[in-house]
Amino acid sequence: MKQKEKKIEIVSASAGQTREIARLIGEKLQEGDVLALSGELGSGKTCFTGGLACGLGVDEKYRITSPTFTLINEYPARIKLYHFDVYRLKDYSEFEDLGYEEYFCAKGVVVIEWAEKITQILPGDALFINFEYLDENKRSIIIKGPENRLKEVIRDIKMEVV
């Protein structure tokens, strides 16, 4: 039976707050989680991934950058982080050629920027996170996914972020 989907919106007033929201989410992620990020250029996807990395325990010596040309960056942490950027891919078939299943089955967390290009092959329990500009600094972060998992991941965020 398919789990019920839920959607929530969090408004971030700054890049720092976006990073903090992501850090709190990162602390609650588990092996096998897949996060599918979408939004315009500069909307906060890589900033958010940096916060997730912090929450997962990636050492601060690693600078989180978008792997636009390398397609994937891997970071050691309490749970390994696999960070994809599929911006340059034409469609999901090019992602299939990368052997993505190996990463989806690995003991880590997968974050994919520009995930709207490969939605056909994302797991059904992926968390979809969309970033929208509200103004120069403010962003709407819309998170959608299976209700039970979403509740676990976003629990206490609105109370913790100021």
Protein backbone atom coordinates (compact mmCIF):
# COMPACT_ATOMS: atom_id res chain seq x y z
CA MET A 1 0.00 0.00 0.00
CA LYS A 2 1.38 3.40 -1.00
CA GLN A 3 2.01 5.81 1.86
CA LYS A 4 -0.01 8.99 2.03
CA GLU A 5 1.92 12.03 0.76
CA LYS A 6 2.19 15.26 2.67
CA LYS A 7 3.53 18.68 1.75
CA ILE A 8 4.78 21.48 3.99
CA GLU A 9 6.15 24.93 3.31
CA ILE A 10 8.87 26.64 5.30
CA VAL A 11 9.79 30.25 4.58
CA SER A 12 13.45 31.10 4.99
CA ALA A 13 14.45 34.75 5.45
CA SER A 14 18.12 34.28 4.51
CA ALA A 15 20.80 31.93 3.23
CA GLY A 16 21.89 31.38 6.83
CA GLN A 17 18.39 30.35 7.84
CA THR A 18 18.11 28.03 4.81
CA ARG A 19 21.36 26.40 5.90
CA GLU A 20 20.09 26.04 9.49
CA ILE A 21 16.80 24.47 8.35
CA ALA A 22 18.80 21.99 6.28
CA ARG A 23 21.17 21.25 9.18
CA LEU A 24 18.20 20.30 11.37
CA ILE A 25 16.84 18.06 8.61
CA GLY A 26 20.30 16.54 8.07
CA GLU A 27 20.45 15.50 11.72
CA LYS A 28 17.32 13.39 11.19
CA LEU A 29 18.26 11.73 7.90
CA GLN A 30 18.89 8.00 7.66
CA GLU A 31 20.83 5.71 5.36
CA GLY A 32 18.92 5.30 2.12
CA ASP A 33 17.20 8.69 2.17
CA VAL A 34 16.99 10.41 -1.22
CA LEU A 35 16.36 14.15 -1.43
CA ALA A 36 15.33 15.54 -4.81
CA LEU A 37 16.02 19.29 -4.99
CA SER A 38 14.55 21.62 -7.60
CA GLY A 39 14.37 25.36 -8.16
CA GLU A 40 15.82 28.12 -10.30
CA LEU A 41 19.53 28.92 -10.47
CA GLY A 42 20.62 30.56 -7.23
CA SER A 43 17.46 29.62 -5.33
CA GLY A 44 19.31 27.83 -2.52
CA LYS A 45 19.83 24.19 -3.53
CA THR A 46 23.59 24.11 -2.91
CA CYS A 47 23.28 26.26 0.23
CA PHE A 48 20.68 23.79 1.52
CA THR A 49 22.97 20.86 0.70
CA GLY A 50 25.72 22.53 2.73
CA GLY A 51 23.38 22.63 5.72
CA LEU A 52 22.42 18.98 5.23
CA ALA A 53 26.13 18.10 5.14
CA CYS A 54 26.64 19.88 8.45
CA GLY A 55 23.70 17.98 10.00
CA LEU A 56 25.09 14.69 8.70
CA GLY A 57 28.46 15.46 10.30
CA VAL A 58 30.54 16.25 7.20
CA ASP A 59 33.79 17.83 8.42
CA GLU A 60 33.91 21.61 7.94
CA LYS A 61 37.17 21.23 6.00
CA TYR A 62 35.04 20.08 3.04
CA ARG A 63 33.59 22.99 1.09
CA ILE A 64 30.21 21.95 -0.27
CA THR A 65 30.03 23.01 -3.91
CA SER A 66 27.69 22.01 -6.67
CA PRO A 67 29.16 19.16 -8.73
CA THR A 68 27.89 20.66 -12.00
CA PHE A 69 30.83 19.38 -14.05
CA THR A 70 31.84 16.30 -12.05
CA LEU A 71 28.15 15.25 -11.59
CA ILE A 72 28.81 13.82 -8.11
CA ASN A 73 30.70 14.72 -4.95
CA GLU A 74 31.03 12.25 -2.08
CA TYR A 75 31.58 13.34 1.51
CA PRO A 76 32.44 11.13 4.49
CA ALA A 77 30.25 11.62 7.57
CA ARG A 78 28.27 9.61 10.15
CA ILE A 79 26.19 8.78 7.06
CA LYS A 80 28.03 9.26 3.76
CA LEU A 81 26.65 12.05 1.55
CA TYR A 82 26.35 11.56 -2.21
CA HIS A 83 25.70 14.96 -3.82
CA PHE A 84 24.59 14.92 -7.47
CA ASP A 85 23.98 17.83 -9.83
CA VAL A 86 22.19 16.72 -13.00
CA TYR A 87 21.81 20.21 -14.51
CA ARG A 88 23.92 19.34 -17.57
CA LEU A 89 22.16 16.03 -18.31
CA LYS A 90 19.58 15.96 -21.09
CA ASP A 91 17.31 13.41 -19.40
CA TYR A 92 17.12 10.49 -16.99
CA SER A 93 18.76 8.03 -19.42
CA GLU A 94 22.09 9.83 -18.99
CA PHE A 95 21.70 9.47 -15.23
CA GLU A 96 21.03 5.76 -15.67
CA ASP A 97 24.35 5.49 -17.53
CA LEU A 98 26.10 6.71 -14.35
CA GLY A 99 25.01 3.59 -12.45
CA TYR A 100 22.84 5.57 -10.05
CA GLU A 101 21.30 2.41 -8.51
CA GLU A 102 24.61 1.77 -6.78
CA TYR A 103 24.22 5.08 -4.91
CA PHE A 104 20.52 4.63 -4.15
CA CYS A 105 21.34 1.25 -2.57
CA ALA A 106 24.50 2.42 -0.78
CA LYS A 107 24.70 3.17 2.91
CA GLY A 108 24.39 6.91 2.53
CA VAL A 109 22.14 9.86 1.81
CA VAL A 110 21.63 10.93 -1.80
CA VAL A 111 20.97 14.60 -2.64
CA ILE A 112 20.18 15.47 -6.26
CA GLU A 113 20.10 19.04 -7.54
CA TRP A 114 17.90 19.66 -10.61
CA ALA A 115 16.05 16.43 -9.80
CA GLU A 116 13.09 17.44 -11.97
CA LYS A 117 15.15 16.11 -14.91
CA ILE A 118 15.10 12.55 -13.54
CA THR A 119 11.83 12.17 -11.62
CA GLN A 120 10.97 9.00 -13.58
CA ILE A 121 13.72 7.04 -11.82
CA LEU A 122 13.57 8.45 -8.31
CA PRO A 123 12.42 6.11 -5.53
CA GLY A 124 8.83 6.46 -4.37
CA ASP A 125 9.91 7.40 -0.86
CA ALA A 126 12.16 10.29 -1.97
CA LEU A 127 11.67 13.68 -0.35
CA PHE A 128 11.05 16.37 -2.98
CA ILE A 129 12.25 19.83 -1.99
CA ASN A 130 11.45 22.83 -4.17
CA PHE A 131 12.97 26.29 -3.70
CA GLU A 132 11.14 29.41 -4.85
CA TYR A 133 12.25 33.03 -4.75
CA LEU A 134 10.05 35.28 -2.62
CA ASP A 135 12.47 38.21 -2.78
CA GLU A 136 16.23 38.79 -2.95
CA ASN A 137 16.91 36.89 0.30
CA LYS A 138 13.67 35.14 1.20
CA ARG A 139 12.83 31.66 -0.10
CA SER A 140 9.87 29.34 0.06
CA ILE A 141 11.04 25.79 0.74
CA ILE A 142 8.34 23.27 -0.11
CA ILE A 143 8.99 19.72 1.07
CA LYS A 144 6.85 16.85 -0.19
CA GLY A 145 7.08 13.16 0.60
CA PRO A 146 5.60 10.17 2.42
CA GLU A 147 3.68 11.50 5.42
CA ASN A 148 5.39 9.41 8.13
CA ARG A 149 8.92 10.13 6.88
CA LEU A 150 8.20 13.80 6.33
CA LYS A 151 6.89 14.18 9.89
CA GLU A 152 10.10 12.63 11.27
CA VAL A 153 12.40 14.78 9.17
CA ILE A 154 10.73 18.15 9.77
CA ARG A 155 9.71 17.56 13.39
CA ASP A 156 10.54 20.57 15.58
CA ILE A 157 12.00 22.66 12.75
CA LYS A 158 9.61 25.58 13.10
CA MET A 159 10.26 25.67 16.84
CA GLU A 160 14.05 25.46 16.48
CA VAL A 161 14.67 27.94 13.66
CA VAL A 162 14.44 31.59 14.67
